[in-house]
Protein backbone atom coordinates (compact mmCIF):
# COMPACT_ATOMS: atom_id res chain seq x y z
CA MET A 1 -69.72 41.93 -6.30
CA LYS A 2 -73.10 43.63 -5.95
CA GLN A 3 -73.31 44.36 -9.69
CA PHE A 4 -73.17 40.63 -10.47
CA ALA A 5 -75.95 39.57 -8.11
CA THR A 6 -78.67 40.43 -10.62
CA SER A 7 -76.80 39.69 -13.84
CA PRO A 8 -78.37 37.06 -16.14
CA LEU A 9 -75.19 34.96 -16.04
CA PHE A 10 -75.11 34.73 -12.27
CA GLU A 11 -78.85 34.02 -12.14
CA ARG A 12 -78.49 31.13 -14.61
CA VAL A 13 -75.58 29.65 -12.69
CA GLU A 14 -77.44 30.00 -9.39
CA ARG A 15 -80.53 28.24 -10.77
CA ALA A 16 -78.40 25.42 -12.18
CA ARG A 17 -76.67 24.95 -8.83
CA ARG A 18 -80.01 24.43 -7.06
CA ARG A 19 -81.14 21.61 -9.35
CA LYS A 20 -80.96 18.11 -7.92
CA PRO A 21 -78.01 16.29 -9.53
CA LYS A 22 -78.98 13.50 -11.90
CA ILE A 23 -76.83 10.82 -13.46
CA LYS A 24 -77.22 10.91 -17.22
CA ASP A 25 -74.12 8.86 -18.07
CA THR A 26 -74.52 5.17 -18.80
CA HIS A 27 -70.94 4.22 -17.95
CA ILE A 28 -68.29 5.37 -15.46
CA THR A 29 -65.55 7.58 -16.92
CA LEU A 30 -62.34 8.96 -15.45
CA ALA A 31 -64.13 12.28 -14.99
CA HIS A 32 -66.25 10.64 -12.29
CA GLY A 33 -63.12 10.40 -10.13
CA SER A 34 -61.68 13.83 -10.87
CA GLY A 35 -63.18 15.64 -7.89
CA GLY A 36 -65.26 17.96 -10.09
CA LYS A 37 -68.83 18.19 -11.32
CA ALA A 38 -69.04 14.64 -12.67
CA MET A 39 -67.93 13.16 -9.36
CA HIS A 40 -70.40 15.30 -7.42
CA GLU A 41 -73.21 14.19 -9.70
CA LEU A 42 -72.18 10.57 -9.18
CA ILE A 43 -72.10 10.93 -5.39
CA GLU A 44 -75.25 13.00 -4.97
CA GLY A 45 -77.26 11.47 -7.79
CA LEU A 46 -76.37 7.82 -7.23
CA PHE A 47 -74.47 6.90 -4.06
CA LEU A 48 -76.44 9.27 -1.84
CA GLU A 49 -79.70 8.14 -3.42
CA TYR A 50 -79.08 4.53 -2.41
CA LEU A 51 -77.15 4.99 0.86
CA ARG A 52 -78.80 8.12 2.25
CA ASN A 53 -78.65 8.78 5.99
CA PRO A 54 -78.27 11.92 8.13
CA LEU A 55 -74.49 11.58 8.49
CA LEU A 56 -73.84 10.86 4.81
CA GLU A 57 -76.13 13.68 3.64
CA LYS A 58 -73.69 16.26 5.01
CA LEU A 59 -71.15 15.18 2.35
CA GLU A 60 -68.19 16.16 4.50
CA ASP A 61 -64.79 14.48 4.13
CA GLN A 62 -65.50 12.67 7.38
CA ALA A 63 -68.48 11.68 9.53
CA VAL A 64 -68.70 13.23 13.01
CA PHE A 65 -70.81 11.44 15.59
CA GLU A 66 -71.18 10.78 19.31
CA ILE A 67 -70.77 7.49 21.14
CA ALA A 68 -73.02 7.18 24.17
CA SER A 69 -71.46 5.77 27.35
CA ASN A 70 -72.19 5.75 31.06
CA HIS A 71 -69.84 8.63 31.79
CA ALA A 72 -69.53 10.79 28.66
CA ARG A 73 -70.55 11.30 25.06
CA PRO A 74 -67.26 11.64 23.18
CA ARG A 75 -67.38 13.02 19.65
CA LEU A 76 -65.51 11.00 17.08
CA ALA A 77 -64.58 11.59 13.44
CA PHE A 78 -64.36 8.72 10.95
CA THR A 79 -63.11 8.78 7.36
CA THR A 80 -62.01 6.49 4.54
CA ASP A 81 -60.11 6.99 1.29
CA SER A 82 -58.40 5.03 -1.48
CA TYR A 83 -55.11 5.81 -3.20
CA VAL A 84 -54.36 4.88 -6.81
CA VAL A 85 -51.74 7.51 -7.67
CA ASP A 86 -49.61 6.97 -10.77
CA PRO A 87 -46.62 6.85 -10.44
CA ILE A 88 -46.47 5.33 -6.97
CA PHE A 89 -43.11 7.02 -6.27
CA PHE A 90 -42.72 10.74 -6.96
CA PRO A 91 -40.59 13.66 -5.74
CA GLY A 92 -41.60 14.49 -2.18
CA GLY A 93 -43.41 11.25 -1.40
CA ASP A 94 -45.00 8.01 -2.52
CA ILE A 95 -48.34 6.22 -2.36
CA GLY A 96 -47.64 5.10 1.21
CA SER A 97 -46.98 8.50 2.80
CA LEU A 98 -49.78 9.98 0.69
CA ALA A 99 -52.26 7.45 2.09
CA VAL A 100 -51.36 8.26 5.69
CA HIS A 101 -51.29 12.02 5.16
CA GLY A 102 -54.57 12.09 3.25
CA THR A 103 -56.44 10.15 5.93
CA VAL A 104 -54.93 12.18 8.78
CA ASN A 105 -55.86 15.41 7.00
CA ASP A 106 -59.47 14.41 6.38
CA LEU A 107 -59.84 13.80 10.11
CA ALA A 108 -58.06 17.03 11.00
CA MET A 109 -60.43 19.08 8.83
CA SER A 110 -63.17 18.36 11.36
CA GLY A 111 -60.91 19.56 14.16
CA ALA A 112 -60.33 15.99 15.32
CA ARG A 113 -57.14 14.59 16.78
CA PRO A 114 -56.33 11.60 14.55
CA LEU A 115 -55.71 8.38 16.50
CA TYR A 116 -55.86 5.14 14.53
CA LEU A 117 -55.73 4.08 10.88
CA SER A 118 -56.46 0.94 8.92
CA ALA A 119 -54.68 0.05 5.70
CA GLY A 120 -55.83 -2.31 2.97
CA PHE A 121 -53.49 -3.27 0.12
CA ILE A 122 -54.49 -4.53 -3.33
CA ILE A 123 -51.24 -5.75 -4.89
CA GLU A 124 -50.71 -6.84 -8.47
CA GLU A 125 -48.96 -10.15 -9.02
CA GLY A 126 -45.28 -9.53 -9.78
CA PHE A 127 -44.98 -6.37 -7.69
CA PRO A 128 -41.39 -6.09 -6.34
CA ILE A 129 -41.01 -6.89 -2.64
CA ALA A 130 -38.32 -4.20 -2.44
CA ASP A 131 -40.85 -1.56 -3.53
CA LEU A 132 -43.39 -2.81 -0.99
CA LYS A 133 -40.78 -2.54 1.77
CA ARG A 134 -40.02 1.02 0.66
CA ILE A 135 -43.70 1.96 0.77
CA LEU A 136 -44.28 0.37 4.19
CA SER A 137 -41.25 2.20 5.56
CA SER A 138 -42.66 5.45 4.21
CA MET A 139 -46.03 4.75 5.85
CA ARG A 140 -44.34 4.02 9.18
CA GLU A 141 -42.44 7.32 9.06
CA ALA A 142 -45.55 9.26 8.04
CA ALA A 143 -47.57 7.71 10.87
CA LEU A 144 -44.86 8.54 13.42
CA GLU A 145 -44.74 12.14 12.20
CA ALA A 146 -48.52 12.50 12.44
CA GLY A 147 -48.76 10.75 15.80
CA VAL A 148 -51.08 7.96 14.62
CA GLU A 149 -50.88 4.18 14.47
CA VAL A 150 -51.92 1.71 11.77
CA VAL A 151 -53.77 -0.82 13.92
CA THR A 152 -55.52 -3.10 11.41
CA GLY A 153 -55.42 -3.92 7.73
CA ASP A 154 -55.94 -6.34 4.88
CA THR A 155 -53.96 -7.63 1.91
CA LYS A 156 -55.22 -8.93 -1.42
CA VAL A 157 -53.13 -10.06 -4.39
CA VAL A 158 -54.72 -9.99 -7.86
CA GLN A 159 -53.55 -11.50 -11.12
CA ARG A 160 -51.08 -9.63 -13.27
CA GLY A 161 -53.00 -7.06 -15.33
CA SER A 162 -55.96 -6.91 -12.90
CA ALA A 163 -54.55 -3.84 -11.12
CA ASP A 164 -51.82 -1.29 -11.75
CA LYS A 165 -49.01 -2.20 -9.33
CA LEU A 166 -50.57 -1.23 -6.00
CA PHE A 167 -53.74 0.36 -4.61
CA ILE A 168 -54.12 1.32 -0.93
CA ASN A 169 -57.35 1.89 0.98
CA THR A 170 -57.27 3.55 4.39
CA ALA A 171 -59.73 4.44 7.10
CA GLY A 172 -59.11 6.57 10.14
CA ILE A 173 -60.71 7.54 13.41
CA GLY A 174 -60.04 10.54 15.63
CA VAL A 175 -61.49 12.27 18.66
CA ILE A 176 -62.87 15.82 18.78
CA GLU A 177 -61.79 17.40 22.04
CA HIS A 178 -63.28 20.88 21.65
CA ALA A 179 -66.78 22.34 21.57
CA GLY A 180 -66.52 23.77 18.07
CA HIS A 181 -68.53 22.67 15.06
CA ILE A 182 -66.47 22.87 11.87
CA SER A 183 -68.38 22.24 8.66
CA ALA A 184 -68.61 23.35 5.04
CA SER A 185 -72.12 24.60 5.87
CA ARG A 186 -70.95 27.20 8.42
CA ALA A 187 -69.45 29.97 6.27
CA GLU A 188 -70.99 33.36 7.07
CA ALA A 189 -70.99 36.75 5.39
CA GLY A 190 -68.01 38.76 6.59
CA ASP A 191 -65.78 35.71 7.12
CA LYS A 192 -62.28 35.68 5.66
CA VAL A 193 -60.88 32.91 3.45
CA ILE A 194 -57.40 31.72 4.47
CA LEU A 195 -55.10 29.53 2.38
CA SER A 196 -52.11 27.84 4.03
CA GLY A 197 -49.68 28.15 1.10
CA ALA A 198 -48.89 27.90 -2.60
CA ILE A 199 -51.28 25.78 -4.67
CA GLY A 200 -50.86 23.09 -7.31
CA ASP A 201 -47.57 21.57 -6.13
CA HIS A 202 -48.79 17.98 -5.87
CA GLY A 203 -50.67 17.80 -9.17
CA THR A 204 -47.83 19.43 -11.05
CA THR A 205 -45.28 17.07 -9.49
CA ILE A 206 -47.34 14.06 -10.58
CA MET A 207 -47.62 15.39 -14.14
CA ILE A 208 -43.87 15.85 -14.39
CA ALA A 209 -43.14 12.48 -12.76
CA ARG A 210 -45.29 10.77 -15.39
CA GLY A 211 -43.12 12.24 -18.12
CA GLU A 212 -46.01 14.26 -19.51
CA LEU A 213 -43.83 17.35 -19.46
CA GLU A 214 -40.21 17.42 -20.56
CA LEU A 215 -39.24 19.71 -17.72
CA GLU A 216 -36.50 19.61 -15.13
CA THR A 217 -37.64 21.36 -11.96
CA GLU A 218 -37.02 21.08 -8.25
CA ILE A 219 -40.70 21.15 -7.39
CA GLU A 220 -41.97 18.41 -5.06
CA SER A 221 -45.34 17.21 -3.86
CA ASP A 222 -46.63 19.14 -0.86
CA THR A 223 -47.96 15.96 0.80
CA ALA A 224 -47.83 16.49 4.57
CA PRO A 225 -49.87 15.86 7.74
CA LEU A 226 -51.81 18.96 8.73
CA ASN A 227 -53.07 17.91 12.16
CA SER A 228 -50.41 19.85 14.07
CA LEU A 229 -51.24 22.98 12.09
CA VAL A 230 -54.96 22.55 12.82
CA ARG A 231 -54.25 22.00 16.52
CA GLU A 232 -52.39 25.32 16.65
CA MET A 233 -55.24 27.02 14.78
CA LEU A 234 -57.74 25.72 17.33
CA ASP A 235 -55.57 26.99 20.17
CA GLU A 236 -55.26 30.42 18.55
CA ALA A 237 -59.00 30.73 17.94
CA ASP A 238 -59.77 29.62 21.49
CA SER A 239 -57.46 32.28 22.93
CA ILE A 240 -59.24 35.08 21.02
CA ALA A 241 -62.90 34.34 20.46
CA GLY A 242 -63.44 30.63 21.00
CA VAL A 243 -63.01 27.64 18.72
CA ARG A 244 -66.41 28.29 17.12
CA ALA A 245 -64.81 31.25 15.29
CA ILE A 246 -63.30 28.67 12.92
CA HIS A 247 -66.24 27.92 10.64
CA CYS A 248 -64.87 25.74 7.83
CA LEU A 249 -61.74 23.69 7.21
CA ARG A 250 -61.05 21.77 3.98
CA ASP A 251 -57.97 20.37 2.26
CA PRO A 252 -58.27 21.13 -1.47
CA THR A 253 -57.20 17.83 -3.02
CA ARG A 254 -58.89 16.54 -6.20
CA GLY A 255 -60.47 19.45 -8.05
CA GLY A 256 -58.17 21.93 -6.33
CA VAL A 257 -58.98 25.16 -4.54
CA ALA A 258 -61.70 26.12 -7.00
CA THR A 259 -63.79 22.99 -6.47
CA THR A 260 -63.35 23.06 -2.69
CA LEU A 261 -64.52 26.67 -2.47
CA ASN A 262 -67.54 25.82 -4.62
CA GLU A 263 -68.44 22.99 -2.24
CA ILE A 264 -68.36 25.41 0.68
CA ALA A 265 -70.32 28.12 -1.14
CA LEU A 266 -73.05 25.62 -2.03
CA ALA A 267 -73.21 24.02 1.42
CA SER A 268 -73.36 27.41 3.19
CA GLU A 269 -75.47 29.15 0.50
CA VAL A 270 -73.09 32.10 0.36
CA CYS A 271 -70.91 33.82 -2.23
CA ILE A 272 -67.17 33.43 -1.85
CA GLN A 273 -65.12 36.21 -3.42
CA ILE A 274 -61.42 35.56 -3.97
CA TYR A 275 -58.64 37.79 -5.25
CA GLU A 276 -56.42 36.51 -8.04
CA ASP A 277 -53.39 38.53 -6.97
CA SER A 278 -53.55 37.10 -3.43
CA ILE A 279 -53.37 33.42 -4.41
CA PRO A 280 -49.79 32.08 -4.16
CA VAL A 281 -48.62 29.91 -7.08
CA ARG A 282 -45.01 28.84 -7.57
CA ARG A 283 -43.37 29.90 -10.82
CA GLU A 284 -42.76 26.27 -11.84
CA VAL A 285 -46.40 25.37 -11.25
CA ARG A 286 -47.66 28.35 -13.19
CA GLY A 287 -45.32 27.57 -16.08
CA ALA A 288 -46.35 23.91 -16.27
CA CYS A 289 -50.02 24.85 -16.16
CA GLU A 290 -49.57 27.38 -18.95
CA ILE A 291 -47.93 24.73 -21.14
CA LEU A 292 -50.82 22.31 -20.59
CA GLY A 293 -53.57 24.92 -20.66
CA LEU A 294 -54.55 24.26 -17.03
CA ASP A 295 -55.65 26.63 -14.29
CA PRO A 296 -53.69 26.17 -11.02
CA LEU A 297 -56.95 26.71 -9.12
CA TYR A 298 -58.04 23.23 -10.28
CA VAL A 299 -54.74 21.41 -9.68
CA ALA A 300 -54.55 19.02 -6.72
CA ASN A 301 -52.89 19.73 -3.38
CA GLU A 302 -52.04 17.27 -0.60
CA GLY A 303 -50.55 19.47 2.10
CA LYS A 304 -52.62 22.66 2.05
CA LEU A 305 -55.81 23.71 3.77
CA ILE A 306 -58.51 26.32 3.33
CA ALA A 307 -59.93 27.91 6.47
CA ILE A 308 -62.96 30.15 6.63
CA VAL A 309 -62.93 32.06 9.90
CA ALA A 310 -64.60 34.99 11.58
CA ASP A 311 -63.10 38.33 10.57
CA GLU A 312 -61.96 39.12 14.12
CA ILE A 313 -59.51 36.22 14.26
CA ALA A 314 -58.31 36.24 10.63
CA GLN A 315 -55.12 38.30 10.99
CA PRO A 316 -53.85 36.70 14.23
CA MET A 317 -54.72 33.30 12.77
CA VAL A 318 -52.54 33.97 9.72
CA MET A 319 -49.64 34.99 11.94
CA ARG A 320 -49.99 31.85 14.09
CA MET A 321 -50.18 29.58 11.03
CA LYS A 322 -47.02 31.12 9.59
CA GLU A 323 -45.13 29.77 12.62
CA ASN A 324 -45.88 26.19 11.56
CA VAL A 325 -43.69 24.49 8.94
CA ASN A 326 -46.80 23.64 6.92
CA GLY A 327 -48.21 27.15 7.07
CA ARG A 328 -45.27 29.45 6.37
CA ASP A 329 -46.87 30.95 3.27
CA THR A 330 -50.36 31.37 4.75
CA CYS A 331 -52.38 34.29 3.45
CA ILE A 332 -55.91 35.66 3.17
CA ILE A 333 -57.24 35.12 -0.36
CA GLY A 334 -60.83 36.26 -0.10
CA GLU A 335 -63.98 36.86 1.90
CA VAL A 336 -67.54 35.61 2.20
CA LYS A 337 -70.46 37.64 0.84
CA ILE A 338 -74.22 37.18 1.13
CA GLU A 339 -75.01 36.98 -2.57
CA PRO A 340 -75.20 35.57 -5.10
CA PRO A 341 -75.46 32.35 -3.05
CA GLY A 342 -73.65 29.23 -4.17
CA ILE A 343 -71.19 31.17 -6.32
CA VAL A 344 -67.41 31.57 -6.22
CA ALA A 345 -66.26 34.71 -8.02
CA MET A 346 -62.73 35.93 -8.54
CA GLN A 347 -61.58 39.51 -8.82
CA THR A 348 -58.94 39.31 -11.52
CA GLY A 349 -55.63 41.11 -11.63
CA PHE A 350 -57.08 43.37 -14.32
CA GLY A 351 -59.88 44.60 -12.08
CA GLY A 352 -62.64 42.49 -13.62
CA ALA A 353 -64.50 39.53 -12.20
CA ARG A 354 -65.32 36.01 -13.36
CA ILE A 355 -67.15 32.98 -12.05
CA VAL A 356 -64.90 30.21 -10.75
CA ASP A 357 -66.88 27.01 -11.27
CA MET A 358 -66.20 23.44 -10.20
CA LEU A 359 -63.81 21.36 -12.25
CA VAL A 360 -65.58 20.15 -15.38
CA GLY A 361 -64.45 16.90 -16.95
CA GLU A 362 -61.16 15.10 -16.39
CA GLN A 363 -58.10 17.21 -15.71
CA LEU A 364 -55.58 15.18 -13.74
CA PRO A 365 -56.54 11.50 -13.39
CA ARG A 366 -54.97 9.43 -10.61
CA ILE A 367 -53.29 12.18 -8.64
CA CYS A 368 -54.06 10.54 -5.29
């Protein structure tokens, strides 16, 4: 990648990345919820401007903080999310299991052990009780699988037409029981980039379930709790070089792998180089994306994680992750370079290279 560090294109992109985001739009659009550039501009240029504080400024998927007590200073992780997926039932899951998994995973990406969740329901008048029972059953099963409990909640019913069936908001809290510090700002030159499996399954499943593609496939959403996988990763790192050898963990949901890697590159001020031929994509996902003119790198996932770890633990970490049901297809897809900072670049299958930017505009609305 050295030849690109001084190229005019990379220099222009790098300068643009360092500018403070500003909101130029006068109205909210679907692109502001896509997980890409528009959403980042909204968060950094508006929400952060009004609600700024040291914890929020880190822009992680969860806040990590200490609670002072007479005997100890436990570290906790806290997160919140909202789920508006359409349709609410899809192959491999539904809005209920998705809400539990997504909240558990955001906690796990800090290395926390998820403990308790809240659940708030906004229900449209006329919603079938049978469907609500089905969703609650799914949430109960997902919580049991992840080892968490839903301990508080809220219910609101709005007039017909004021919502689309059902929206769920969750919050979660977990405890960090190790000395590591896992953050998007900790990637270092020489680190390896690990991906826990094939990408784009969830977003593609949602597209097909909506009837946007006249395809018959067996593909299902990859929605799953990743806390057991992360726990095994922490154990493996600790046995080799210490938990601190795991630098970054992220689940690439909205905006996909491409946007998540860009967030890490910007936060750590490094260049992340990935290899096109190393990124696993199922044939059905690739075919659907080709039909719609989409890049699988930007398609949502709900049961995959990206780990950036020290080179010395990368290979044994991959082998350990492959032993977990949610990490069987784990592989190394890239490495971290010093420059150009804030850039994700991909070495293509043809031997060339291209910049992989954040998602621009609206690609897959309401995938979570």
